[in-house]
Amino acid sequence: MMLKQSSCFKCVGYCNNCNFEQTGNCCLASPPEEIIICNCGITLLSFIDNQVKNYFYSQIFRNQNGYFLKERSHGSKGWIEFFEETFMTNNIFNIEFGLIQIIEGKKIVRVSVCFCGSGKKYRKCHKKSYDILSKLSLEHIHYFLHSLRETNEYKIAVHHRNQLKIR
């Protein structure tokens, strides 16, 4: 399955900047974040306020300080960083588990213990993450889960986990 690239954030022209590609695409958000924004409805004003202003602020910050402020990586690493931020973990297996929970569509009661194993109530732990990511279609979640499992980051984590099991 191929993820269709959204034209929601397509820019016109080419800029000699590391956030613009020759195709005219501009890195303003990771693919899952872009899909969520577009699925929730986007207006020109909200696009300018929430994406364009942040982009230009980051460019000014980079020009003044020599590095970007809070910029995600490009490619699969960037959308993994989005999931890390959303799930509040850098454990790739917790991200995988969270995506599976959304796919399974189990209605989680707010006062239940959170699925992540923290022991906290769901409403105080991952409810917001679940609410944000459930705005993705199941097709998109399946795609990102499959793609996550194909990344080098995931393969390295599996290798490390298997090495720990051997010991």
C-alpha atoms as a PDB file:
ATOM      1  CA  MET A   1       0.000   0.000   0.000  1.00  0.00           C
ATOM      2  CA  MET A   2       1.321   3.420  -0.895  1.00  0.00           C
ATOM      3  CA  LEU A   3       0.470   6.479   1.128  1.00  0.00           C
ATOM      4  CA  LYS A   4      -0.863   9.115  -1.186  1.00  0.00           C
ATOM      5  CA  GLN A   5       0.981  12.359  -0.659  1.00  0.00           C
ATOM      6  CA  SER A   6      -1.336  15.090   0.423  1.00  0.00           C
ATOM      7  CA  SER A   7      -1.361  18.248  -1.604  1.00  0.00           C
ATOM      8  CA  CYS A   8      -2.558  20.141   1.449  1.00  0.00           C
ATOM      9  CA  PHE A   9       0.881  21.615   2.187  1.00  0.00           C
ATOM     10  CA  LYS A  10       2.181  21.747  -1.404  1.00  0.00           C
ATOM     11  CA  CYS A  11       4.182  24.894  -2.048  1.00  0.00           C
ATOM     12  CA  VAL A  12       4.636  26.617  -5.357  1.00  0.00           C
ATOM     13  CA  GLY A  13       8.081  27.104  -6.806  1.00  0.00           C
ATOM     14  CA  TYR A  14      11.480  26.198  -5.492  1.00  0.00           C
ATOM     15  CA  CYS A  15      13.483  27.889  -2.804  1.00  0.00           C
ATOM     16  CA  ASN A  16      17.154  27.235  -2.166  1.00  0.00           C
ATOM     17  CA  ASN A  17      16.445  26.132   1.379  1.00  0.00           C
ATOM     18  CA  CYS A  18      16.852  22.763   3.075  1.00  0.00           C
ATOM     19  CA  ASN A  19      13.128  22.609   3.843  1.00  0.00           C
ATOM     20  CA  PHE A  20      12.091  22.859   0.183  1.00  0.00           C
ATOM     21  CA  GLU A  21      12.410  20.067  -2.332  1.00  0.00           C
ATOM     22  CA  GLN A  22      12.767  20.525  -6.081  1.00  0.00           C
ATOM     23  CA  THR A  23       9.208  19.239  -6.433  1.00  0.00           C
ATOM     24  CA  GLY A  24       8.017  22.314  -4.538  1.00  0.00           C
ATOM     25  CA  ASN A  25       7.130  20.385  -1.409  1.00  0.00           C
ATOM     26  CA  CYS A  26       7.926  22.191   1.787  1.00  0.00           C
ATOM     27  CA  CYS A  27       8.614  20.482   5.100  1.00  0.00           C
ATOM     28  CA  LEU A  28       6.103  22.094   7.430  1.00  0.00           C
ATOM     29  CA  ALA A  29       4.872  18.962   9.170  1.00  0.00           C
ATOM     30  CA  SER A  30       5.487  15.233   9.237  1.00  0.00           C
ATOM     31  CA  PRO A  31       3.128  13.131   7.080  1.00  0.00           C
ATOM     32  CA  PRO A  32       0.973  11.838   9.972  1.00  0.00           C
ATOM     33  CA  GLU A  33       0.701  15.338  11.427  1.00  0.00           C
ATOM     34  CA  GLU A  34      -0.182  16.790   8.019  1.00  0.00           C
ATOM     35  CA  ILE A  35      -2.900  14.173   7.469  1.00  0.00           C
ATOM     36  CA  ILE A  36      -4.406  14.889  10.892  1.00  0.00           C
ATOM     37  CA  ILE A  37      -4.415  18.638  10.227  1.00  0.00           C
ATOM     38  CA  CYS A  38      -5.986  18.198   6.791  1.00  0.00           C
ATOM     39  CA  ASN A  39      -8.573  15.682   8.067  1.00  0.00           C
ATOM     40  CA  CYS A  40      -9.673  18.121  10.775  1.00  0.00           C
ATOM     41  CA  GLY A  41     -10.242  20.816   8.190  1.00  0.00           C
ATOM     42  CA  ILE A  42      -7.863  23.608   7.445  1.00  0.00           C
ATOM     43  CA  THR A  43      -8.420  27.216   6.564  1.00  0.00           C
ATOM     44  CA  LEU A  44      -5.944  29.598   5.040  1.00  0.00           C
ATOM     45  CA  LEU A  45      -5.815  31.570   8.274  1.00  0.00           C
ATOM     46  CA  SER A  46      -5.198  28.495  10.447  1.00  0.00           C
ATOM     47  CA  PHE A  47      -2.549  27.281   7.972  1.00  0.00           C
ATOM     48  CA  ILE A  48      -0.724  30.618   8.193  1.00  0.00           C
ATOM     49  CA  ASP A  49      -1.066  30.838  11.982  1.00  0.00           C
ATOM     50  CA  ASN A  50      -0.111  27.259  12.784  1.00  0.00           C
ATOM     51  CA  GLN A  51       2.295  26.192  10.050  1.00  0.00           C
ATOM     52  CA  VAL A  52       3.683  29.131   8.068  1.00  0.00           C
ATOM     53  CA  LYS A  53       4.420  31.395  11.051  1.00  0.00           C
ATOM     54  CA  ASN A  54       6.225  28.568  12.838  1.00  0.00           C
ATOM     55  CA  TYR A  55       8.185  27.802   9.695  1.00  0.00           C
ATOM     56  CA  PHE A  56       9.370  31.401   9.294  1.00  0.00           C
ATOM     57  CA  TYR A  57      10.126  31.691  13.014  1.00  0.00           C
ATOM     58  CA  SER A  58      12.285  28.573  12.717  1.00  0.00           C
ATOM     59  CA  GLN A  59      14.071  30.032   9.669  1.00  0.00           C
ATOM     60  CA  ILE A  60      14.817  33.289  11.519  1.00  0.00           C
ATOM     61  CA  PHE A  61      15.987  31.330  14.566  1.00  0.00           C
ATOM     62  CA  ARG A  62      18.283  29.241  12.351  1.00  0.00           C
ATOM     63  CA  ASN A  63      19.752  32.344  10.696  1.00  0.00           C
ATOM     64  CA  GLN A  64      20.452  33.897  14.111  1.00  0.00           C
ATOM     65  CA  ASN A  65      21.618  30.793  15.981  1.00  0.00           C
ATOM     66  CA  GLY A  66      22.906  28.416  13.325  1.00  0.00           C
ATOM     67  CA  TYR A  67      20.447  25.603  14.071  1.00  0.00           C
ATOM     68  CA  PHE A  68      16.712  24.973  13.901  1.00  0.00           C
ATOM     69  CA  LEU A  69      14.555  25.187  17.007  1.00  0.00           C
ATOM     70  CA  LYS A  70      12.466  22.049  17.627  1.00  0.00           C
ATOM     71  CA  GLU A  71      12.658  20.827  14.060  1.00  0.00           C
ATOM     72  CA  ARG A  72      11.972  17.218  13.317  1.00  0.00           C
ATOM     73  CA  SER A  73      14.169  15.148  11.063  1.00  0.00           C
ATOM     74  CA  HIS A  74      13.213  14.506   7.458  1.00  0.00           C
ATOM     75  CA  GLY A  75      11.859  11.199   6.214  1.00  0.00           C
ATOM     76  CA  SER A  76      10.710   8.326   8.393  1.00  0.00           C
ATOM     77  CA  LYS A  77      12.776   9.570  11.331  1.00  0.00           C
ATOM     78  CA  GLY A  78      10.665  12.748  11.329  1.00  0.00           C
ATOM     79  CA  TRP A  79       7.353  10.964  11.572  1.00  0.00           C
ATOM     80  CA  ILE A  80       8.773   8.606  14.208  1.00  0.00           C
ATOM     81  CA  GLU A  81       9.667  11.764  16.180  1.00  0.00           C
ATOM     82  CA  PHE A  82       6.059  12.923  15.747  1.00  0.00           C
ATOM     83  CA  PHE A  83       4.809   9.631  17.221  1.00  0.00           C
ATOM     84  CA  GLU A  84       7.390   9.879  20.029  1.00  0.00           C
ATOM     85  CA  GLU A  85       6.078  13.343  20.925  1.00  0.00           C
ATOM     86  CA  THR A  86       2.434  12.297  20.614  1.00  0.00           C
ATOM     87  CA  PHE A  87       2.827   9.108  22.660  1.00  0.00           C
ATOM     88  CA  MET A  88       5.284  10.820  25.049  1.00  0.00           C
ATOM     89  CA  THR A  89       7.836   8.034  24.697  1.00  0.00           C
ATOM     90  CA  ASN A  90      10.946   7.249  22.723  1.00  0.00           C
ATOM     91  CA  ASN A  91      10.304   3.519  23.070  1.00  0.00           C
ATOM     92  CA  ILE A  92       9.484   2.377  19.551  1.00  0.00           C
ATOM     93  CA  PHE A  93       7.649  -0.707  20.889  1.00  0.00           C
ATOM     94  CA  ASN A  94       5.309   1.503  22.947  1.00  0.00           C
ATOM     95  CA  ILE A  95       4.581   3.481  19.777  1.00  0.00           C
ATOM     96  CA  GLU A  96       3.860   0.229  17.938  1.00  0.00           C
ATOM     97  CA  PHE A  97       1.598  -0.934  20.780  1.00  0.00           C
ATOM     98  CA  GLY A  98      -0.273   2.388  20.826  1.00  0.00           C
ATOM     99  CA  LEU A  99      -0.913   2.228  17.069  1.00  0.00           C
ATOM    100  CA  ILE A 100      -2.165  -1.347  17.441  1.00  0.00           C
ATOM    101  CA  GLN A 101      -4.572  -0.202  20.177  1.00  0.00           C
ATOM    102  CA  ILE A 102      -6.036   2.375  17.781  1.00  0.00           C
ATOM    103  CA  ILE A 103      -6.321  -0.202  14.984  1.00  0.00           C
ATOM    104  CA  GLU A 104      -8.118  -2.636  17.281  1.00  0.00           C
ATOM    105  CA  GLY A 105     -10.553   0.169  18.083  1.00  0.00           C
ATOM    106  CA  LYS A 106     -11.129  -0.886  21.639  1.00  0.00           C
ATOM    107  CA  LYS A 107     -13.089   1.752  23.517  1.00  0.00           C
ATOM    108  CA  ILE A 108     -10.922   2.603  26.487  1.00  0.00           C
ATOM    109  CA  VAL A 109     -12.734   3.804  29.585  1.00  0.00           C
ATOM    110  CA  ARG A 110     -11.267   7.055  30.937  1.00  0.00           C
ATOM    111  CA  VAL A 111     -10.707   5.608  34.424  1.00  0.00           C
ATOM    112  CA  SER A 112      -9.046   2.408  33.164  1.00  0.00           C
ATOM    113  CA  VAL A 113      -5.364   1.841  33.741  1.00  0.00           C
ATOM    114  CA  CYS A 114      -3.480   3.114  30.670  1.00  0.00           C
ATOM    115  CA  PHE A 115      -2.521   0.600  27.999  1.00  0.00           C
ATOM    116  CA  CYS A 116       1.124   1.747  28.114  1.00  0.00           C
ATOM    117  CA  GLY A 117       1.770   0.031  31.435  1.00  0.00           C
ATOM    118  CA  SER A 118       2.574   3.202  33.392  1.00  0.00           C
ATOM    119  CA  GLY A 119      -0.054   2.401  36.028  1.00  0.00           C
ATOM    120  CA  LYS A 120      -1.651   5.836  35.531  1.00  0.00           C
ATOM    121  CA  LYS A 121      -5.291   6.336  34.678  1.00  0.00           C
ATOM    122  CA  TYR A 122      -5.817   6.410  30.911  1.00  0.00           C
ATOM    123  CA  ARG A 123      -7.362   9.896  31.001  1.00  0.00           C
ATOM    124  CA  LYS A 124      -4.215  11.278  32.681  1.00  0.00           C
ATOM    125  CA  CYS A 125      -1.767   9.394  30.488  1.00  0.00           C
ATOM    126  CA  HIS A 126      -2.465   8.622  26.813  1.00  0.00           C
ATOM    127  CA  LYS A 127      -6.079   9.692  26.201  1.00  0.00           C
ATOM    128  CA  LYS A 128      -4.944  12.870  24.428  1.00  0.00           C
ATOM    129  CA  SER A 129      -2.504  10.871  22.256  1.00  0.00           C
ATOM    130  CA  TYR A 130      -5.215   8.373  21.380  1.00  0.00           C
ATOM    131  CA  ASP A 131      -7.664  11.192  20.553  1.00  0.00           C
ATOM    132  CA  ILE A 132      -5.114  12.922  18.282  1.00  0.00           C
ATOM    133  CA  LEU A 133      -4.084   9.771  16.406  1.00  0.00           C
ATOM    134  CA  SER A 134      -7.611   8.406  16.048  1.00  0.00           C
ATOM    135  CA  LYS A 135      -8.149  11.269  13.570  1.00  0.00           C
ATOM    136  CA  LEU A 136      -6.021   9.249  11.138  1.00  0.00           C
ATOM    137  CA  SER A 137      -7.907   6.738   9.028  1.00  0.00           C
ATOM    138  CA  LEU A 138      -7.327   3.063   9.766  1.00  0.00           C
ATOM    139  CA  GLU A 139      -5.663   2.830   6.359  1.00  0.00           C
ATOM    140  CA  HIS A 140      -3.146   5.497   7.394  1.00  0.00           C
ATOM    141  CA  ILE A 141      -2.534   3.903  10.792  1.00  0.00           C
ATOM    142  CA  HIS A 142      -1.937   0.514   9.138  1.00  0.00           C
ATOM    143  CA  TYR A 143       0.437   2.205   6.707  1.00  0.00           C
ATOM    144  CA  PHE A 144       2.433   3.955   9.460  1.00  0.00           C
ATOM    145  CA  LEU A 145       2.542   0.789  11.574  1.00  0.00           C
ATOM    146  CA  HIS A 146       3.832  -1.231   8.608  1.00  0.00           C
ATOM    147  CA  SER A 147       6.297   1.530   7.703  1.00  0.00           C
ATOM    148  CA  LEU A 148       7.451   1.796  11.327  1.00  0.00           C
ATOM    149  CA  ARG A 149       8.316  -1.893  11.283  1.00  0.00           C
ATOM    150  CA  GLU A 150      10.349  -1.376   8.096  1.00  0.00           C
ATOM    151  CA  THR A 151      12.551   1.430   9.503  1.00  0.00           C
ATOM    152  CA  ASN A 152      16.147   0.924  10.564  1.00  0.00           C
ATOM    153  CA  GLU A 153      15.241   2.326  13.992  1.00  0.00           C
ATOM    154  CA  TYR A 154      12.703  -0.460  14.532  1.00  0.00           C
ATOM    155  CA  LYS A 155      15.005  -3.184  13.191  1.00  0.00           C
ATOM    156  CA  ILE A 156      17.810  -2.008  15.501  1.00  0.00           C
ATOM    157  CA  ALA A 157      15.415  -1.975  18.481  1.00  0.00           C
ATOM    158  CA  VAL A 158      14.265  -5.534  17.657  1.00  0.00           C
ATOM    159  CA  HIS A 159      17.898  -6.642  17.400  1.00  0.00           C
ATOM    160  CA  HIS A 160      18.697  -5.093  20.815  1.00  0.00           C
ATOM    161  CA  ARG A 161      15.587  -6.653  22.362  1.00  0.00           C
ATOM    162  CA  ASN A 162      16.558 -10.074  20.967  1.00  0.00           C
ATOM    163  CA  GLN A 163      20.100  -9.688  22.307  1.00  0.00           C
ATOM    164  CA  LEU A 164      18.689  -8.993  25.777  1.00  0.00           C
ATOM    165  CA  LYS A 165      16.501 -12.110  25.584  1.00  0.00           C
ATOM    166  CA  ILE A 166      19.551 -14.244  24.738  1.00  0.00           C
ATOM    167  CA  ARG A 167      21.438 -13.079  27.832  1.00  0.00           C
END
